[in-house]
Every structure is written in structure tokens, then in C-alpha cells.
């Protein structure tokens, strides 16, 4: 009797996995959303990089996928490109202009 259905499609419950096509036309993946975002923010990938979230069936530019990537990783938006030094905030510090007496 008949073989099982092919894999692929959207897996319920699992995080979206992404593939990308390099400049030589080779497809790589799968990678989690967080990994793609990290490479993009480190400027290893350009916004024009072809990426796919459906196992390589359809590709879109990475910049078009960014809203989904950020949503998937629960990041509110791109990091500030000014590359400000990371400062640890003191949780007990009050915001400036806080109500004085």
C-alpha cells in the first residue's frame, strides 16, 4: 500500500526554519529565524539575500522576511545601527525626570 506523504509543508508547533541561497546558487539550511537575524545584523547577509521558509519551494528577499523574523524571535525591531557601546542598566536606577519631591 502507498507510501506516506512527502515531508515539507508547515510543521505545526515548531519554529520556522529558513533556507538561503548563496551567491553561487547553492541552497543552505535549515536555520532558525534567530540565526538568520544574527547574520543579518552582523552584516554577513545583505537584505537582497534570497531566503525561504517553506523548505526552498519559494524564495523572497531577506529584507522582505525581516518582519516575520523579528516576530518569530520576539524582537521589537532592528538594533540601532549606531553601534552604541552596550551599557548594563542598573535595575534600581530611576528614569531621568522621575518625580522628585
N, C-alpha and C. Protein backbone atom coordinates (compact mmCIF):
# COMPACT_ATOMS: atom_id res chain seq x y z
N UNK A 1 0.60 -1.21 0.00
CA UNK A 1 0.00 0.00 0.00
C UNK A 1 0.65 1.31 0.00
N UNK A 2 0.62 2.18 -0.72
CA UNK A 2 1.06 3.54 -0.93
C UNK A 2 2.02 4.08 0.13
N UNK A 3 3.01 4.75 -0.28
CA UNK A 3 3.97 5.34 0.65
C UNK A 3 3.36 6.52 1.38
N UNK A 4 3.99 6.91 2.43
CA UNK A 4 3.49 8.05 3.21
C UNK A 4 3.62 9.34 2.42
N UNK A 5 2.94 10.36 2.89
CA UNK A 5 3.02 11.65 2.22
C UNK A 5 4.41 12.22 2.35
N UNK A 6 4.78 13.07 1.43
CA UNK A 6 6.09 13.71 1.49
C UNK A 6 6.16 14.64 2.68
N UNK A 7 7.35 14.90 3.14
CA UNK A 7 7.53 15.83 4.27
C UNK A 7 7.22 17.24 3.81
N UNK A 8 7.90 18.19 4.35
CA UNK A 8 7.70 19.57 3.93
C UNK A 8 6.41 20.13 4.49
N UNK A 9 5.97 21.24 3.92
CA UNK A 9 4.79 21.89 4.46
C UNK A 9 5.12 22.53 5.78
N UNK A 10 4.11 23.12 6.38
CA UNK A 10 4.35 23.80 7.65
C UNK A 10 4.19 22.82 8.79
N UNK A 11 5.21 22.71 9.61
CA UNK A 11 5.10 21.87 10.79
C UNK A 11 4.42 22.68 11.86
N UNK A 12 3.39 22.10 12.44
CA UNK A 12 2.69 22.84 13.49
C UNK A 12 3.49 22.80 14.77
N UNK A 13 3.53 23.93 15.44
CA UNK A 13 4.17 23.97 16.75
C UNK A 13 5.66 24.26 16.69
N UNK A 14 6.33 23.84 15.62
CA UNK A 14 7.77 24.04 15.57
C UNK A 14 8.11 25.43 15.06
N UNK A 15 9.27 25.94 15.42
CA UNK A 15 9.67 27.25 14.92
C UNK A 15 9.95 27.17 13.42
N UNK A 16 9.76 28.28 12.73
CA UNK A 16 10.02 28.33 11.30
C UNK A 16 11.51 28.13 11.05
N UNK A 17 11.80 27.29 10.09
CA UNK A 17 13.18 27.06 9.68
C UNK A 17 13.38 27.69 8.31
N UNK A 18 14.53 28.32 8.12
CA UNK A 18 14.80 29.07 6.90
C UNK A 18 15.96 28.46 6.12
N UNK A 19 15.88 28.57 4.81
CA UNK A 19 16.98 28.23 3.91
C UNK A 19 17.39 29.53 3.20
N UNK A 20 18.63 29.57 2.74
CA UNK A 20 19.04 30.71 1.93
C UNK A 20 19.86 30.21 0.76
N UNK A 21 19.91 31.02 -0.28
CA UNK A 21 20.70 30.70 -1.47
C UNK A 21 21.90 31.64 -1.52
N UNK A 22 23.09 31.05 -1.58
CA UNK A 22 24.30 31.87 -1.61
C UNK A 22 24.53 32.41 -3.03
N UNK A 23 25.51 33.33 -3.18
CA UNK A 23 25.75 33.95 -4.50
C UNK A 23 26.11 32.94 -5.59
N UNK A 24 26.52 31.72 -5.21
CA UNK A 24 26.88 30.71 -6.20
C UNK A 24 25.68 29.84 -6.58
N UNK A 25 24.52 30.12 -5.97
CA UNK A 25 23.31 29.37 -6.31
C UNK A 25 23.07 28.14 -5.45
N UNK A 26 23.92 27.91 -4.46
CA UNK A 26 23.74 26.76 -3.57
C UNK A 26 22.79 27.12 -2.43
N UNK A 27 21.90 26.19 -2.10
CA UNK A 27 20.95 26.42 -1.01
C UNK A 27 21.48 25.82 0.27
N UNK A 28 21.36 26.57 1.36
CA UNK A 28 21.84 26.14 2.67
C UNK A 28 20.70 26.20 3.68
N UNK A 29 20.75 25.33 4.67
CA UNK A 29 19.73 25.35 5.70
C UNK A 29 19.35 23.94 6.09
N UNK A 30 18.39 23.81 6.98
CA UNK A 30 17.59 24.90 7.56
C UNK A 30 18.28 25.57 8.75
N UNK A 31 17.90 26.83 8.97
CA UNK A 31 18.40 27.61 10.10
C UNK A 31 17.22 28.25 10.81
N UNK A 32 17.30 28.42 12.13
CA UNK A 32 16.21 29.10 12.85
C UNK A 32 16.21 30.60 12.54
N UNK A 33 15.06 31.23 12.73
CA UNK A 33 14.91 32.67 12.48
C UNK A 33 15.99 33.47 13.19
N UNK A 34 16.27 33.09 14.43
CA UNK A 34 17.24 33.84 15.25
C UNK A 34 18.61 33.86 14.58
N UNK A 35 18.99 32.73 13.96
CA UNK A 35 20.31 32.66 13.33
C UNK A 35 20.38 33.58 12.11
N UNK A 36 19.33 33.57 11.29
CA UNK A 36 19.32 34.44 10.11
C UNK A 36 19.40 35.91 10.52
N UNK A 37 18.64 36.26 11.56
CA UNK A 37 18.65 37.64 12.04
C UNK A 37 20.03 38.03 12.54
N UNK A 38 20.68 37.12 13.26
CA UNK A 38 22.01 37.42 13.80
C UNK A 38 22.98 37.69 12.66
N UNK A 39 22.95 36.85 11.63
CA UNK A 39 23.85 37.06 10.50
C UNK A 39 23.54 38.38 9.79
N UNK A 40 22.25 38.71 9.67
CA UNK A 40 21.87 39.96 9.01
C UNK A 40 22.37 41.16 9.83
N UNK A 41 22.16 41.11 11.14
CA UNK A 41 22.57 42.24 11.99
C UNK A 41 24.09 42.37 12.06
N UNK A 42 24.81 41.26 11.88
CA UNK A 42 26.27 41.32 11.84
C UNK A 42 26.76 41.70 10.44
N UNK A 43 25.79 41.98 9.55
CA UNK A 43 26.08 42.40 8.18
C UNK A 43 26.83 41.35 7.39
N UNK A 44 26.60 40.08 7.72
CA UNK A 44 27.15 38.98 6.94
C UNK A 44 26.24 38.69 5.74
N UNK A 45 24.95 39.01 5.89
CA UNK A 45 23.98 38.80 4.82
C UNK A 45 23.44 40.15 4.40
N UNK A 46 23.18 40.30 3.10
CA UNK A 46 22.55 41.53 2.62
C UNK A 46 21.04 41.37 2.63
N UNK A 47 20.32 42.48 2.57
CA UNK A 47 18.87 42.44 2.53
C UNK A 47 18.34 41.78 1.27
N UNK A 48 19.18 41.66 0.24
CA UNK A 48 18.74 41.08 -1.02
C UNK A 48 18.92 39.56 -1.06
N UNK A 49 19.45 38.97 0.01
CA UNK A 49 19.70 37.54 0.03
C UNK A 49 18.39 36.76 -0.13
N UNK A 50 18.32 35.80 -1.07
CA UNK A 50 17.10 35.00 -1.21
C UNK A 50 16.96 34.02 -0.04
N UNK A 51 15.82 34.08 0.64
CA UNK A 51 15.55 33.18 1.76
C UNK A 51 14.20 32.50 1.57
N UNK A 52 14.05 31.32 2.18
CA UNK A 52 12.82 30.55 2.04
C UNK A 52 12.44 29.97 3.39
N UNK A 53 11.15 30.04 3.71
CA UNK A 53 10.66 29.46 4.96
C UNK A 53 9.84 28.21 4.70
N UNK A 54 9.79 27.76 3.44
CA UNK A 54 8.99 26.58 3.13
C UNK A 54 9.83 25.47 2.50
N UNK A 55 11.04 25.34 3.01
CA UNK A 55 11.89 24.25 2.55
C UNK A 55 12.52 24.49 1.19
N UNK A 56 12.51 25.73 0.72
CA UNK A 56 13.15 26.05 -0.54
C UNK A 56 12.20 26.07 -1.73
N UNK A 57 10.89 25.96 -1.46
CA UNK A 57 9.93 25.99 -2.57
C UNK A 57 9.80 27.39 -3.15
N UNK A 58 9.72 28.39 -2.30
CA UNK A 58 9.64 29.78 -2.77
C UNK A 58 10.61 30.63 -1.98
N UNK A 59 11.26 31.55 -2.67
CA UNK A 59 12.24 32.42 -2.04
C UNK A 59 11.79 33.87 -2.12
N UNK A 60 12.10 34.62 -1.06
CA UNK A 60 11.88 36.06 -1.05
C UNK A 60 13.16 36.71 -0.57
N UNK A 61 13.28 38.02 -0.76
CA UNK A 61 14.48 38.70 -0.28
C UNK A 61 14.44 38.77 1.25
N UNK A 62 15.62 38.66 1.84
CA UNK A 62 15.73 38.69 3.30
C UNK A 62 15.05 39.92 3.88
N UNK A 63 15.21 41.10 3.23
CA UNK A 63 14.60 42.32 3.79
C UNK A 63 13.08 42.18 3.85
N UNK A 64 12.48 41.42 2.93
CA UNK A 64 11.03 41.23 2.96
C UNK A 64 10.63 40.27 4.08
N UNK A 65 11.54 39.42 4.48
CA UNK A 65 11.26 38.44 5.53
C UNK A 65 11.52 38.99 6.93
N UNK A 66 12.19 40.15 7.01
CA UNK A 66 12.56 40.68 8.33
C UNK A 66 11.39 40.79 9.31
N UNK A 67 10.23 41.34 8.91
CA UNK A 67 9.14 41.43 9.89
C UNK A 67 8.78 40.07 10.50
N UNK A 68 8.79 39.02 9.67
CA UNK A 68 8.50 37.68 10.18
C UNK A 68 9.61 37.18 11.07
N UNK A 69 10.85 37.48 10.69
CA UNK A 69 11.98 37.04 11.50
C UNK A 69 11.95 37.69 12.88
N UNK A 70 11.70 39.01 12.90
CA UNK A 70 11.65 39.71 14.18
C UNK A 70 10.49 39.21 15.03
N UNK A 71 9.35 38.98 14.38
CA UNK A 71 8.19 38.49 15.12
C UNK A 71 8.49 37.11 15.71
N UNK A 72 9.14 36.27 14.93
CA UNK A 72 9.44 34.91 15.36
C UNK A 72 10.40 34.89 16.54
N UNK A 73 11.28 35.88 16.59
CA UNK A 73 12.26 35.90 17.67
C UNK A 73 11.86 36.86 18.77
N UNK A 74 10.68 37.46 18.64
CA UNK A 74 10.14 38.38 19.65
C UNK A 74 11.08 39.55 19.91
N UNK A 75 11.66 40.05 18.84
CA UNK A 75 12.47 41.26 18.92
C UNK A 75 11.62 42.38 18.36
N UNK A 76 11.66 43.53 18.98
CA UNK A 76 10.76 44.59 18.58
C UNK A 76 11.16 45.23 17.26
N UNK A 77 12.42 45.23 16.92
CA UNK A 77 12.83 45.86 15.67
C UNK A 77 14.33 45.80 15.53
N UNK A 78 14.83 46.36 14.43
CA UNK A 78 16.26 46.30 14.20
C UNK A 78 17.03 47.02 15.30
N UNK A 79 18.23 46.52 15.56
CA UNK A 79 19.06 47.18 16.55
C UNK A 79 19.54 48.51 15.98
N UNK A 80 19.82 49.42 16.88
CA UNK A 80 20.30 50.74 16.46
C UNK A 80 21.63 50.57 15.73
N UNK A 81 21.70 51.09 14.52
CA UNK A 81 22.89 50.90 13.70
C UNK A 81 24.07 51.76 14.15
N UNK A 82 23.87 52.63 15.15
CA UNK A 82 24.97 53.48 15.59
C UNK A 82 26.00 52.68 16.38
N UNK A 83 25.67 51.44 16.69
CA UNK A 83 26.60 50.57 17.42
C UNK A 83 27.05 51.21 18.73
N UNK A 84 26.10 51.71 19.48
CA UNK A 84 26.43 52.31 20.77
C UNK A 84 27.00 51.22 21.68
N UNK A 85 27.95 51.58 22.53
CA UNK A 85 28.51 50.57 23.44
C UNK A 85 27.41 50.04 24.36
N UNK A 86 27.48 48.75 24.62
CA UNK A 86 26.46 48.15 25.46
C UNK A 86 26.70 48.56 26.91
N UNK A 87 25.67 49.13 27.53
CA UNK A 87 25.78 49.51 28.93
C UNK A 87 24.77 48.71 29.71
N UNK A 88 25.22 48.15 30.81
CA UNK A 88 24.28 47.40 31.64
C UNK A 88 23.49 48.39 32.46
N UNK A 89 22.19 48.29 32.37
CA UNK A 89 21.36 49.21 33.14
C UNK A 89 21.17 48.69 34.54
N UNK A 90 21.27 49.60 35.48
CA UNK A 90 21.05 49.24 36.88
C UNK A 90 19.54 49.16 37.09
N UNK A 91 19.03 47.98 37.47
CA UNK A 91 17.58 47.85 37.62
C UNK A 91 17.00 48.75 38.70
N UNK A 92 17.85 49.22 39.62
CA UNK A 92 17.34 50.09 40.68
C UNK A 92 17.38 51.55 40.27
N UNK A 93 18.04 51.86 39.14
CA UNK A 93 18.14 53.26 38.72
C UNK A 93 16.77 53.77 38.29
N UNK A 94 16.49 55.02 38.63
CA UNK A 94 15.21 55.60 38.23
C UNK A 94 15.40 56.34 36.92
N UNK A 95 14.36 56.34 36.07
CA UNK A 95 14.48 57.09 34.83
C UNK A 95 14.67 58.57 35.11
N UNK A 96 15.40 59.25 34.22
CA UNK A 96 15.62 60.68 34.41
C UNK A 96 14.30 61.42 34.39
N UNK A 97 14.21 62.47 35.16
CA UNK A 97 12.99 63.26 35.20
C UNK A 97 11.90 62.59 36.03
N UNK A 98 12.25 61.55 36.76
CA UNK A 98 11.26 60.88 37.60
C UNK A 98 10.79 61.84 38.67
N UNK A 99 9.62 61.64 39.16
CA UNK A 99 9.01 62.58 40.11
C UNK A 99 9.90 62.86 41.30
N UNK A 100 10.37 64.09 41.39
CA UNK A 100 11.13 64.49 42.57
C UNK A 100 10.16 65.01 43.63
N UNK A 101 10.67 65.23 44.85
CA UNK A 101 9.78 65.75 45.90
C UNK A 101 9.82 67.25 45.96
